[in-house]
Structure formats: C-alpha cells, structure tokens
Amino acid sequence: MNWIVGSLLVGGAFFFFIGTIGILRFPDFYARLHAAGKCDTLAAILSLAGIVLYNLHDFTVANILVSCKVVAIIIFVFIASPTATHAITKAALLVGVKPWEKSKRGSR
C-alpha cells in the first residue's frame, strides 16, 4: 500500500512540476492556462488520491469519514478546475487578449 501511495504522491508532484514548466515556457496566455489547467487538475487528483489511500491504512470510522471528505474534494476539483479554466479563457477572449501566432519572418 505504501508503494501505491508513494507513486500517487510522486505522480502528483511530477505533474505540478510539468505544469509549472508549461507556465514558464509556453508563449501566450492561452497555452499557459491550458498547461496550468490540465496539469494542476491531474496533480491535485493524484495527490489527494494518495492522501485518501494513506488515510485508509488505519481502518477506523473517523478515517473513513475523512477519506469520504477528501473524495468529495477530488470530485469538486475534477469539476471546478476545468470549468474555471474555461471561464477565464472565455473572459480573456472577450476582453481582447489575442492568441499567439507564429511569426511569418523568413517565409515567402
């Protein structure tokens, strides 16, 4: 069980790190928001799933209730994070933030 929990937590940290690299490396607002939205959602779900399994290692009623609450948080993150990313993207488009375009320099 400890290997599974460790793998989930390391996977969550890995995707948080990849999302951070995406935010720093991508050229425009929309690409950065895409990287942040996808990677952070997956990383949070993996990390929280690791917490649920770790908490269920000691099988008591209190731990089951805490794990159920963390599962509710996982469901909320799964729904709210992509929805928030979509809303921010749509608002940026309506305000007039232009998507990045590759420069035409050097092509005929």
Protein backbone atom coordinates (compact mmCIF):
# COMPACT_ATOMS: atom_id res chain seq x y z
CA MET A 1 0.00 0.00 0.00
CA ASN A 2 2.86 2.38 0.78
CA TRP A 3 4.23 1.95 -2.74
CA ILE A 4 0.89 2.91 -4.28
CA VAL A 5 0.55 5.96 -2.01
CA GLY A 6 4.12 6.98 -2.77
CA SER A 7 3.57 6.55 -6.51
CA LEU A 8 0.43 8.70 -6.42
CA LEU A 9 2.17 11.45 -4.45
CA VAL A 10 5.24 11.40 -6.69
CA GLY A 11 2.97 11.44 -9.76
CA GLY A 12 1.13 14.45 -8.35
CA ALA A 13 4.39 16.29 -7.67
CA PHE A 14 5.60 15.40 -11.17
CA PHE A 15 2.53 16.86 -12.85
CA PHE A 16 2.69 20.00 -10.69
CA PHE A 17 6.30 20.40 -11.85
CA ILE A 18 5.38 19.84 -15.52
CA GLY A 19 2.56 22.38 -15.23
CA THR A 20 4.99 24.91 -13.79
CA ILE A 21 7.37 24.36 -16.68
CA GLY A 22 4.46 24.81 -19.09
CA ILE A 23 3.51 28.10 -17.47
CA LEU A 24 7.08 29.35 -17.81
CA ARG A 25 7.79 28.06 -21.32
CA PHE A 26 4.61 28.49 -23.37
CA PRO A 27 4.35 31.64 -25.49
CA ASP A 28 0.93 33.10 -24.67
CA PHE A 29 -1.82 33.34 -22.09
CA TYR A 30 -3.99 30.61 -23.60
CA ALA A 31 -1.25 27.99 -23.85
CA ARG A 32 -0.08 28.77 -20.33
CA LEU A 33 -3.60 28.48 -18.97
CA HIS A 34 -4.01 25.17 -20.78
CA ALA A 35 -0.87 23.78 -19.17
CA ALA A 36 -1.89 25.06 -15.76
CA GLY A 37 -5.44 23.76 -16.01
CA LYS A 38 -4.65 20.26 -17.22
CA CYS A 39 -1.56 19.54 -15.15
CA ASP A 40 -2.80 21.08 -11.92
CA THR A 41 -6.09 19.21 -12.09
CA LEU A 42 -4.37 15.87 -12.62
CA ALA A 43 -1.72 16.61 -10.00
CA ALA A 44 -4.28 17.60 -7.37
CA ILE A 45 -6.36 14.49 -8.06
CA LEU A 46 -3.34 12.18 -7.84
CA SER A 47 -2.08 13.82 -4.64
CA LEU A 48 -5.49 13.72 -2.99
CA ALA A 49 -6.00 10.09 -4.03
CA GLY A 50 -2.69 9.29 -2.34
CA ILE A 51 -3.93 11.03 0.80
CA VAL A 52 -7.17 9.01 0.71
CA LEU A 53 -5.30 5.71 0.47
CA TYR A 54 -2.81 6.70 3.15
CA ASN A 55 -5.63 7.71 5.47
CA LEU A 56 -7.41 4.38 4.93
CA HIS A 57 -4.30 2.47 6.04
CA ASP A 58 -5.68 2.61 9.60
CA PHE A 59 -9.26 1.45 9.09
CA THR A 60 -11.45 3.35 11.60
CA VAL A 61 -14.76 5.14 11.28
CA ALA A 62 -13.10 8.54 11.68
CA ASN A 63 -10.59 7.79 8.92
CA ILE A 64 -13.35 6.58 6.62
CA LEU A 65 -15.24 9.84 7.15
CA VAL A 66 -12.12 11.91 6.48
CA SER A 67 -11.43 9.89 3.33
CA CYS A 68 -15.01 10.47 2.15
CA LYS A 69 -14.49 14.21 2.61
CA VAL A 70 -11.26 14.09 0.61
CA VAL A 71 -13.07 12.15 -2.15
CA ALA A 72 -15.66 14.97 -2.18
CA ILE A 73 -12.79 17.43 -2.63
CA ILE A 74 -11.45 15.32 -5.51
CA ILE A 75 -14.86 15.46 -7.21
CA PHE A 76 -15.03 19.23 -6.67
CA VAL A 77 -11.54 19.76 -8.14
CA PHE A 78 -12.40 17.50 -11.07
CA ILE A 79 -15.43 19.66 -11.89
CA ALA A 80 -14.33 23.14 -10.79
CA SER A 81 -10.82 23.37 -12.18
CA PRO A 82 -11.64 22.78 -15.88
CA THR A 83 -14.74 24.96 -15.52
CA ALA A 84 -12.70 27.82 -14.05
CA THR A 85 -10.06 27.44 -16.76
CA HIS A 86 -12.75 27.63 -19.44
CA ALA A 87 -14.35 30.69 -17.85
CA ILE A 88 -11.02 32.52 -17.57
CA THR A 89 -10.18 31.68 -21.19
CA LYS A 90 -13.55 32.88 -22.45
CA ALA A 91 -13.27 36.09 -20.43
CA ALA A 92 -9.79 36.76 -21.85
CA LEU A 93 -11.07 36.21 -25.37
CA LEU A 94 -14.00 38.59 -24.80
CA VAL A 95 -11.70 41.25 -23.35
CA GLY A 96 -9.49 41.02 -26.42
CA VAL A 97 -6.42 39.04 -25.43
CA LYS A 98 -5.04 37.86 -28.76
CA PRO A 99 -3.75 34.31 -29.21
CA TRP A 100 -0.09 33.92 -30.11
CA GLU A 101 0.71 33.49 -33.80
CA LYS A 102 3.92 32.14 -35.21
CA SER A 103 5.88 34.89 -36.95
CA LYS A 104 5.98 34.80 -40.74
CA ARG A 105 9.54 36.13 -40.85
CA GLY A 106 11.71 34.29 -43.35
CA SER A 107 8.86 32.59 -45.22
CA ARG A 108 7.62 33.62 -48.66
